[in-house]
Amino acid sequence: MRRILSALLVSLITATVLPAVPVGASEPSAPAARAVLPPSSKALAKRAALRHQKAVTDATVRALAFTAAAVQTTSAALRTKWEHVAICEVGGKWSMVGATYSGIGFLNATWSNFGGTTFAPLAGEASEDQQIIIGMRVTGGYVPDQSGCTPGGW
């Protein structure tokens, strides 16, 4: 029984791997087809890693696109809220620079500790958008409540 199964398996493999040459015909001039071997475990691991990397990349691109869209739709409302903070804290003068405080009221040490120096040495030297980014880091993602502040400041 084993011999029959082995013979059947060998004939099946031979039929699928080797090219068919009619009896009496000469060998083809092109090189013979090579046997198809299953991929090694290294090759399989590499393919899996590439698929995972592509999936992660695709997911990252989708997340960034979503984040960019969310920022664009909320930037006007966010800017208005932070403008109110700027009015209350420094009379709307985003470019204020001082020995202790800068921008819209950042302690210079806080500006530095939350990564603001990647934009500018002091908050008052950074753009309004950059100050908003650092402000959101400092507050954990919310705009400080400025209730009680009049349109002209405190």
C-alpha atoms as a PDB file:
ATOM      1  CA  MET A   1       0.000   0.000   0.000  1.00  0.00           C
ATOM      2  CA  ARG A   2       2.858   2.372   0.844  1.00  0.00           C
ATOM      3  CA  ARG A   3       4.535   1.647  -2.478  1.00  0.00           C
ATOM      4  CA  ILE A   4       1.364   2.461  -4.377  1.00  0.00           C
ATOM      5  CA  LEU A   5       0.920   5.774  -2.527  1.00  0.00           C
ATOM      6  CA  SER A   6       4.599   6.641  -3.036  1.00  0.00           C
ATOM      7  CA  ALA A   7       4.418   5.838  -6.746  1.00  0.00           C
ATOM      8  CA  LEU A   8       1.243   7.887  -7.096  1.00  0.00           C
ATOM      9  CA  LEU A   9       2.821  10.816  -5.265  1.00  0.00           C
ATOM     10  CA  VAL A  10       5.995  10.677  -7.387  1.00  0.00           C
ATOM     11  CA  SER A  11       3.991  10.567 -10.616  1.00  0.00           C
ATOM     12  CA  LEU A  12       1.869  13.493  -9.474  1.00  0.00           C
ATOM     13  CA  ILE A  13       4.927  15.567  -8.592  1.00  0.00           C
ATOM     14  CA  THR A  14       6.654  14.615 -11.832  1.00  0.00           C
ATOM     15  CA  ALA A  15       3.617  15.580 -13.879  1.00  0.00           C
ATOM     16  CA  THR A  16       3.283  18.996 -12.237  1.00  0.00           C
ATOM     17  CA  VAL A  17       6.957  19.934 -12.040  1.00  0.00           C
ATOM     18  CA  LEU A  18       8.613  18.505 -15.159  1.00  0.00           C
ATOM     19  CA  PRO A  19       7.596  19.716 -18.610  1.00  0.00           C
ATOM     20  CA  ALA A  20       5.836  17.230 -20.820  1.00  0.00           C
ATOM     21  CA  VAL A  21       7.970  16.110 -23.781  1.00  0.00           C
ATOM     22  CA  PRO A  22       6.287  13.886 -26.381  1.00  0.00           C
ATOM     23  CA  VAL A  23       7.930  10.551 -27.037  1.00  0.00           C
ATOM     24  CA  GLY A  24      10.460  10.785 -29.836  1.00  0.00           C
ATOM     25  CA  ALA A  25      10.623  14.593 -29.643  1.00  0.00           C
ATOM     26  CA  SER A  26      13.926  16.265 -28.967  1.00  0.00           C
ATOM     27  CA  GLU A  27      14.580  18.106 -25.721  1.00  0.00           C
ATOM     28  CA  PRO A  28      13.457  21.742 -25.771  1.00  0.00           C
ATOM     29  CA  SER A  29      16.242  24.284 -26.283  1.00  0.00           C
ATOM     30  CA  ALA A  30      15.111  26.354 -23.299  1.00  0.00           C
ATOM     31  CA  PRO A  31      16.372  25.283 -19.883  1.00  0.00           C
ATOM     32  CA  ALA A  32      14.186  22.771 -18.123  1.00  0.00           C
ATOM     33  CA  ALA A  33      11.765  24.048 -15.528  1.00  0.00           C
ATOM     34  CA  ARG A  34      13.069  23.935 -12.018  1.00  0.00           C
ATOM     35  CA  ALA A  35      11.344  22.032  -9.307  1.00  0.00           C
ATOM     36  CA  VAL A  36       9.075  24.221  -7.222  1.00  0.00           C
ATOM     37  CA  LEU A  37      10.066  23.911  -3.600  1.00  0.00           C
ATOM     38  CA  PRO A  38       8.075  25.192  -0.674  1.00  0.00           C
ATOM     39  CA  PRO A  39       9.416  28.485   0.740  1.00  0.00           C
ATOM     40  CA  SER A  40      11.838  28.246   3.634  1.00  0.00           C
ATOM     41  CA  SER A  41      10.841  29.360   7.093  1.00  0.00           C
ATOM     42  CA  LYS A  42      13.053  32.452   6.642  1.00  0.00           C
ATOM     43  CA  ALA A  43      11.227  33.356   3.462  1.00  0.00           C
ATOM     44  CA  LEU A  44       7.860  32.839   5.122  1.00  0.00           C
ATOM     45  CA  ALA A  45       8.914  34.974   8.089  1.00  0.00           C
ATOM     46  CA  LYS A  46      10.143  37.709   5.751  1.00  0.00           C
ATOM     47  CA  ARG A  47       6.851  37.687   3.821  1.00  0.00           C
ATOM     48  CA  ALA A  48       4.878  37.849   7.068  1.00  0.00           C
ATOM     49  CA  ALA A  49       7.018  40.747   8.294  1.00  0.00           C
ATOM     50  CA  LEU A  50       6.492  42.636   5.026  1.00  0.00           C
ATOM     51  CA  ARG A  51       2.722  42.063   5.179  1.00  0.00           C
ATOM     52  CA  HIS A  52       2.705  43.277   8.803  1.00  0.00           C
ATOM     53  CA  GLN A  53       4.826  46.304   7.927  1.00  0.00           C
ATOM     54  CA  LYS A  54       2.498  47.200   5.050  1.00  0.00           C
ATOM     55  CA  ALA A  55      -0.541  46.760   7.300  1.00  0.00           C
ATOM     56  CA  VAL A  56       1.029  48.992   9.969  1.00  0.00           C
ATOM     57  CA  THR A  57       1.993  51.565   7.342  1.00  0.00           C
ATOM     58  CA  ASP A  58      -1.506  51.554   5.836  1.00  0.00           C
ATOM     59  CA  ALA A  59      -3.054  51.910   9.297  1.00  0.00           C
ATOM     60  CA  THR A  60      -0.687  54.763  10.140  1.00  0.00           C
ATOM     61  CA  VAL A  61      -1.528  56.572   6.908  1.00  0.00           C
ATOM     62  CA  ARG A  62      -5.255  56.188   7.588  1.00  0.00           C
ATOM     63  CA  ALA A  63      -4.816  57.443  11.173  1.00  0.00           C
ATOM     64  CA  LEU A  64      -2.789  60.444  10.039  1.00  0.00           C
ATOM     65  CA  ALA A  65      -5.317  61.276   7.336  1.00  0.00           C
ATOM     66  CA  PHE A  66      -8.113  61.095   9.900  1.00  0.00           C
ATOM     67  CA  THR A  67      -6.129  63.253  12.340  1.00  0.00           C
ATOM     68  CA  ALA A  68      -5.371  65.829   9.641  1.00  0.00           C
ATOM     69  CA  ALA A  69      -9.042  65.971   8.680  1.00  0.00           C
ATOM     70  CA  ALA A  70     -10.054  66.343  12.329  1.00  0.00           C
ATOM     71  CA  VAL A  71      -7.532  69.131  12.849  1.00  0.00           C
ATOM     72  CA  GLN A  72      -8.763  70.990   9.771  1.00  0.00           C
ATOM     73  CA  THR A  73     -12.396  70.784  10.853  1.00  0.00           C
ATOM     74  CA  THR A  74     -11.741  71.880  14.422  1.00  0.00           C
ATOM     75  CA  SER A  75      -8.892  74.332  13.913  1.00  0.00           C
ATOM     76  CA  ALA A  76     -11.149  77.386  13.535  1.00  0.00           C
ATOM     77  CA  ALA A  77     -13.053  76.634  16.740  1.00  0.00           C
ATOM     78  CA  LEU A  78      -9.845  75.773  18.565  1.00  0.00           C
ATOM     79  CA  ARG A  79      -8.124  78.909  17.332  1.00  0.00           C
ATOM     80  CA  THR A  80     -11.067  81.040  18.581  1.00  0.00           C
ATOM     81  CA  LYS A  81     -10.826  79.500  22.051  1.00  0.00           C
ATOM     82  CA  TRP A  82      -7.065  79.998  22.257  1.00  0.00           C
ATOM     83  CA  GLU A  83      -7.456  83.553  20.949  1.00  0.00           C
ATOM     84  CA  HIS A  84      -9.650  84.180  23.995  1.00  0.00           C
ATOM     85  CA  VAL A  85      -6.869  82.774  26.217  1.00  0.00           C
ATOM     86  CA  ALA A  86      -4.363  85.104  24.536  1.00  0.00           C
ATOM     87  CA  ILE A  87      -6.643  88.106  25.082  1.00  0.00           C
ATOM     88  CA  CYS A  88      -7.158  87.271  28.743  1.00  0.00           C
ATOM     89  CA  GLU A  89      -3.545  86.368  29.525  1.00  0.00           C
ATOM     90  CA  VAL A  90      -1.519  88.889  27.501  1.00  0.00           C
ATOM     91  CA  GLY A  91      -4.016  91.248  25.914  1.00  0.00           C
ATOM     92  CA  GLY A  92      -3.908  89.252  22.668  1.00  0.00           C
ATOM     93  CA  LYS A  93      -0.181  89.836  22.133  1.00  0.00           C
ATOM     94  CA  TRP A  94       0.992  86.339  21.113  1.00  0.00           C
ATOM     95  CA  SER A  95       4.522  87.665  20.495  1.00  0.00           C
ATOM     96  CA  MET A  96       5.085  88.863  24.056  1.00  0.00           C
ATOM     97  CA  VAL A  97       8.575  87.895  25.280  1.00  0.00           C
ATOM     98  CA  GLY A  98       9.749  88.259  28.845  1.00  0.00           C
ATOM     99  CA  ALA A  99      12.357  86.968  31.272  1.00  0.00           C
ATOM    100  CA  THR A 100       9.844  84.623  32.972  1.00  0.00           C
ATOM    101  CA  TYR A 101       6.759  84.484  30.716  1.00  0.00           C
ATOM    102  CA  SER A 102       6.386  84.475  26.940  1.00  0.00           C
ATOM    103  CA  GLY A 103       3.767  84.063  24.258  1.00  0.00           C
ATOM    104  CA  ILE A 104       0.264  83.660  25.641  1.00  0.00           C
ATOM    105  CA  GLY A 105       1.504  83.341  29.208  1.00  0.00           C
ATOM    106  CA  PHE A 106       3.775  80.306  29.146  1.00  0.00           C
ATOM    107  CA  LEU A 107       6.395  80.096  31.822  1.00  0.00           C
ATOM    108  CA  ASN A 108       9.613  79.910  29.817  1.00  0.00           C
ATOM    109  CA  ALA A 109      10.523  76.697  31.688  1.00  0.00           C
ATOM    110  CA  THR A 110       7.132  75.154  30.836  1.00  0.00           C
ATOM    111  CA  TRP A 111       7.596  76.076  27.179  1.00  0.00           C
ATOM    112  CA  SER A 112      10.932  74.274  27.211  1.00  0.00           C
ATOM    113  CA  ASN A 113       9.754  71.266  29.255  1.00  0.00           C
ATOM    114  CA  PHE A 114       6.854  70.543  26.875  1.00  0.00           C
ATOM    115  CA  GLY A 115       8.965  70.653  23.711  1.00  0.00           C
ATOM    116  CA  GLY A 116       8.345  74.231  22.648  1.00  0.00           C
ATOM    117  CA  THR A 117      12.019  74.843  21.938  1.00  0.00           C
ATOM    118  CA  THR A 118      11.672  72.614  18.869  1.00  0.00           C
ATOM    119  CA  PHE A 119       9.695  75.549  17.422  1.00  0.00           C
ATOM    120  CA  ALA A 120      11.410  78.566  18.973  1.00  0.00           C
ATOM    121  CA  PRO A 121      13.566  79.405  22.016  1.00  0.00           C
ATOM    122  CA  LEU A 122      10.656  81.270  23.654  1.00  0.00           C
ATOM    123  CA  ALA A 123       6.913  80.997  23.135  1.00  0.00           C
ATOM    124  CA  GLY A 124       6.578  84.613  21.984  1.00  0.00           C
ATOM    125  CA  GLU A 125       8.933  83.842  19.093  1.00  0.00           C
ATOM    126  CA  ALA A 126       6.795  80.906  17.901  1.00  0.00           C
ATOM    127  CA  SER A 127       3.748  81.075  15.656  1.00  0.00           C
ATOM    128  CA  GLU A 128       0.250  81.062  17.115  1.00  0.00           C
ATOM    129  CA  ASP A 129      -0.321  77.514  15.863  1.00  0.00           C
ATOM    130  CA  GLN A 130       2.900  76.336  17.505  1.00  0.00           C
ATOM    131  CA  GLN A 131       1.853  77.956  20.781  1.00  0.00           C
ATOM    132  CA  ILE A 132      -1.526  76.215  20.543  1.00  0.00           C
ATOM    133  CA  ILE A 133       0.206  72.857  20.002  1.00  0.00           C
ATOM    134  CA  ILE A 134       2.338  73.290  23.109  1.00  0.00           C
ATOM    135  CA  GLY A 135      -0.627  74.700  25.020  1.00  0.00           C
ATOM    136  CA  MET A 136      -2.612  71.545  24.239  1.00  0.00           C
ATOM    137  CA  ARG A 137       0.312  69.437  25.479  1.00  0.00           C
ATOM    138  CA  VAL A 138       0.519  71.414  28.698  1.00  0.00           C
ATOM    139  CA  THR A 139      -3.208  71.180  29.416  1.00  0.00           C
ATOM    140  CA  GLY A 140      -3.602  67.573  28.315  1.00  0.00           C
ATOM    141  CA  GLY A 141      -5.734  68.417  25.290  1.00  0.00           C
ATOM    142  CA  TYR A 142      -8.174  71.026  26.511  1.00  0.00           C
ATOM    143  CA  VAL A 143      -8.334  74.812  26.315  1.00  0.00           C
ATOM    144  CA  PRO A 144      -8.036  76.556  29.707  1.00  0.00           C
ATOM    145  CA  ASP A 145     -11.296  78.025  30.981  1.00  0.00           C
ATOM    146  CA  GLN A 146     -11.225  81.795  30.689  1.00  0.00           C
ATOM    147  CA  SER A 147     -14.673  82.500  32.083  1.00  0.00           C
ATOM    148  CA  GLY A 148     -14.839  85.821  33.841  1.00  0.00           C
ATOM    149  CA  CYS A 149     -12.422  87.435  31.410  1.00  0.00           C
ATOM    150  CA  THR A 150     -13.867  90.413  29.559  1.00  0.00           C
ATOM    151  CA  PRO A 151     -13.244  90.887  25.810  1.00  0.00           C
ATOM    152  CA  GLY A 152     -10.372  93.244  26.653  1.00  0.00           C
ATOM    153  CA  GLY A 153      -8.617  90.924  29.117  1.00  0.00           C
ATOM    154  CA  TRP A 154      -8.689  90.510  32.886  1.00  0.00           C
END
